[in-house]
């Protein structure tokens, strides 16, 4: 992997970590169960994407 590609993966890891964190924080604050469930699903999706990027390394 080139250094430019590694920088891209590093940037993507940062974005996915941030999005996962936002989804988790938001789901904890929501009162509506449907929205809370949806945010948990988003958190799971970002966790899976994060793991895919980590597997590239």
N, C-alpha and C. Protein backbone atom coordinates (compact mmCIF):
# COMPACT_ATOMS: atom_id res chain seq x y z
N UNK A 1 0.85 -1.17 0.00
CA UNK A 1 0.00 0.00 0.00
C UNK A 1 0.90 1.24 0.00
N UNK A 2 0.55 2.20 -0.83
CA UNK A 2 1.35 3.42 -0.90
C UNK A 2 1.05 4.32 0.30
N UNK A 3 1.90 5.29 0.51
CA UNK A 3 1.69 6.22 1.63
C UNK A 3 0.41 7.02 1.43
N UNK A 4 0.09 7.34 0.19
CA UNK A 4 -1.15 8.07 -0.08
C UNK A 4 -2.37 7.22 0.26
N UNK A 5 -2.32 5.95 -0.06
CA UNK A 5 -3.42 5.04 0.27
C UNK A 5 -3.55 4.88 1.78
N UNK A 6 -2.42 4.80 2.47
CA UNK A 6 -2.46 4.70 3.93
C UNK A 6 -3.08 5.94 4.56
N UNK A 7 -2.78 7.10 4.00
CA UNK A 7 -3.38 8.33 4.50
C UNK A 7 -4.89 8.31 4.29
N UNK A 8 -5.34 7.78 3.16
CA UNK A 8 -6.77 7.67 2.90
C UNK A 8 -7.43 6.75 3.93
N UNK A 9 -6.81 5.61 4.18
CA UNK A 9 -7.37 4.65 5.14
C UNK A 9 -7.40 5.28 6.55
N UNK A 10 -6.33 5.97 6.90
CA UNK A 10 -6.28 6.63 8.20
C UNK A 10 -7.40 7.67 8.32
N UNK A 11 -7.61 8.45 7.27
CA UNK A 11 -8.68 9.44 7.27
C UNK A 11 -10.05 8.77 7.38
N UNK A 12 -10.24 7.70 6.64
CA UNK A 12 -11.51 6.97 6.68
C UNK A 12 -11.76 6.38 8.06
N UNK A 13 -10.71 5.86 8.70
CA UNK A 13 -10.84 5.33 10.06
C UNK A 13 -11.30 6.41 11.03
N UNK A 14 -10.74 7.60 10.87
CA UNK A 14 -11.13 8.71 11.73
C UNK A 14 -12.59 9.09 11.52
N UNK A 15 -13.02 9.13 10.27
CA UNK A 15 -14.41 9.48 9.98
C UNK A 15 -15.36 8.42 10.53
N UNK A 16 -15.05 7.17 10.32
CA UNK A 16 -15.94 6.10 10.79
C UNK A 16 -15.99 6.06 12.31
N UNK A 17 -14.87 6.30 12.96
CA UNK A 17 -14.85 6.34 14.43
C UNK A 17 -15.73 7.48 14.93
N UNK A 18 -15.62 8.63 14.28
CA UNK A 18 -16.43 9.79 14.67
C UNK A 18 -17.92 9.51 14.46
N UNK A 19 -18.28 8.95 13.30
CA UNK A 19 -19.69 8.67 13.01
C UNK A 19 -20.26 7.62 13.96
N UNK A 20 -19.46 6.62 14.28
CA UNK A 20 -19.89 5.59 15.24
C UNK A 20 -20.14 6.23 16.61
N UNK A 21 -19.24 7.08 17.02
CA UNK A 21 -19.37 7.76 18.31
C UNK A 21 -20.61 8.65 18.34
N UNK A 22 -20.86 9.38 17.26
CA UNK A 22 -22.05 10.24 17.19
C UNK A 22 -23.33 9.42 17.26
N UNK A 23 -23.37 8.31 16.56
CA UNK A 23 -24.56 7.46 16.56
C UNK A 23 -24.80 6.89 17.96
N UNK A 24 -23.73 6.48 18.62
CA UNK A 24 -23.86 5.92 19.97
C UNK A 24 -24.36 6.98 20.96
N UNK A 25 -23.76 8.15 20.93
CA UNK A 25 -24.14 9.23 21.83
C UNK A 25 -25.60 9.64 21.60
N UNK A 26 -25.97 9.76 20.33
CA UNK A 26 -27.33 10.17 20.00
C UNK A 26 -28.34 9.13 20.44
N UNK A 27 -28.04 7.85 20.22
CA UNK A 27 -28.99 6.80 20.60
C UNK A 27 -29.22 6.77 22.11
N UNK A 28 -28.20 7.12 22.88
CA UNK A 28 -28.34 7.14 24.33
C UNK A 28 -29.22 8.30 24.80
N UNK A 29 -29.29 9.36 24.00
CA UNK A 29 -30.04 10.54 24.40
C UNK A 29 -31.49 10.54 23.91
N UNK A 30 -31.80 9.71 22.95
CA UNK A 30 -33.14 9.72 22.36
C UNK A 30 -34.17 9.04 23.26
N UNK A 31 -35.37 9.56 23.23
CA UNK A 31 -36.48 8.98 23.97
C UNK A 31 -37.33 8.08 23.08
N UNK A 32 -37.46 8.44 21.82
CA UNK A 32 -38.26 7.68 20.86
C UNK A 32 -37.57 6.36 20.55
N UNK A 33 -38.26 5.26 20.82
CA UNK A 33 -37.66 3.93 20.65
C UNK A 33 -37.32 3.60 19.20
N UNK A 34 -38.15 4.07 18.26
CA UNK A 34 -37.87 3.82 16.84
C UNK A 34 -36.60 4.53 16.39
N UNK A 35 -36.45 5.78 16.80
CA UNK A 35 -35.24 6.53 16.45
C UNK A 35 -34.02 5.93 17.14
N UNK A 36 -34.19 5.53 18.39
CA UNK A 36 -33.10 4.92 19.14
C UNK A 36 -32.62 3.64 18.45
N UNK A 37 -33.57 2.84 18.01
CA UNK A 37 -33.24 1.60 17.30
C UNK A 37 -32.50 1.90 16.00
N UNK A 38 -32.99 2.90 15.27
CA UNK A 38 -32.34 3.28 14.01
C UNK A 38 -30.90 3.74 14.24
N UNK A 39 -30.68 4.54 15.28
CA UNK A 39 -29.34 5.02 15.57
C UNK A 39 -28.42 3.86 15.98
N UNK A 40 -28.95 2.87 16.69
CA UNK A 40 -28.16 1.69 17.03
C UNK A 40 -27.77 0.92 15.77
N UNK A 41 -28.70 0.86 14.79
CA UNK A 41 -28.39 0.21 13.52
C UNK A 41 -27.28 0.96 12.78
N UNK A 42 -27.35 2.29 12.80
CA UNK A 42 -26.30 3.09 12.17
C UNK A 42 -24.96 2.87 12.87
N UNK A 43 -25.00 2.80 14.18
CA UNK A 43 -23.77 2.54 14.94
C UNK A 43 -23.16 1.20 14.52
N UNK A 44 -24.01 0.20 14.36
CA UNK A 44 -23.53 -1.12 13.94
C UNK A 44 -22.94 -1.08 12.53
N UNK A 45 -23.58 -0.35 11.64
CA UNK A 45 -23.07 -0.23 10.27
C UNK A 45 -21.69 0.43 10.26
N UNK A 46 -21.53 1.47 11.07
CA UNK A 46 -20.24 2.16 11.12
C UNK A 46 -19.18 1.28 11.79
N UNK A 47 -19.58 0.46 12.73
CA UNK A 47 -18.65 -0.49 13.34
C UNK A 47 -18.16 -1.49 12.29
N UNK A 48 -19.07 -1.99 11.47
CA UNK A 48 -18.69 -2.94 10.43
C UNK A 48 -17.77 -2.30 9.40
N UNK A 49 -18.08 -1.07 9.01
CA UNK A 49 -17.23 -0.37 8.04
C UNK A 49 -15.85 -0.11 8.64
N UNK A 50 -15.82 0.28 9.90
CA UNK A 50 -14.55 0.51 10.59
C UNK A 50 -13.71 -0.77 10.61
N UNK A 51 -14.34 -1.89 10.90
CA UNK A 51 -13.62 -3.16 10.92
C UNK A 51 -13.10 -3.54 9.54
N UNK A 52 -13.85 -3.22 8.50
CA UNK A 52 -13.39 -3.49 7.13
C UNK A 52 -12.14 -2.70 6.81
N UNK A 53 -12.12 -1.42 7.21
CA UNK A 53 -10.93 -0.61 6.99
C UNK A 53 -9.75 -1.14 7.81
N UNK A 54 -10.00 -1.54 9.04
CA UNK A 54 -8.93 -2.08 9.87
C UNK A 54 -8.35 -3.36 9.27
N UNK A 55 -9.19 -4.15 8.63
CA UNK A 55 -8.71 -5.38 8.00
C UNK A 55 -7.82 -5.12 6.80
N UNK A 56 -7.90 -3.91 6.23
CA UNK A 56 -7.02 -3.56 5.12
C UNK A 56 -5.57 -3.41 5.60
N UNK A 57 -5.44 -3.09 6.87
CA UNK A 57 -4.09 -2.89 7.42
C UNK A 57 -3.58 -4.21 7.86
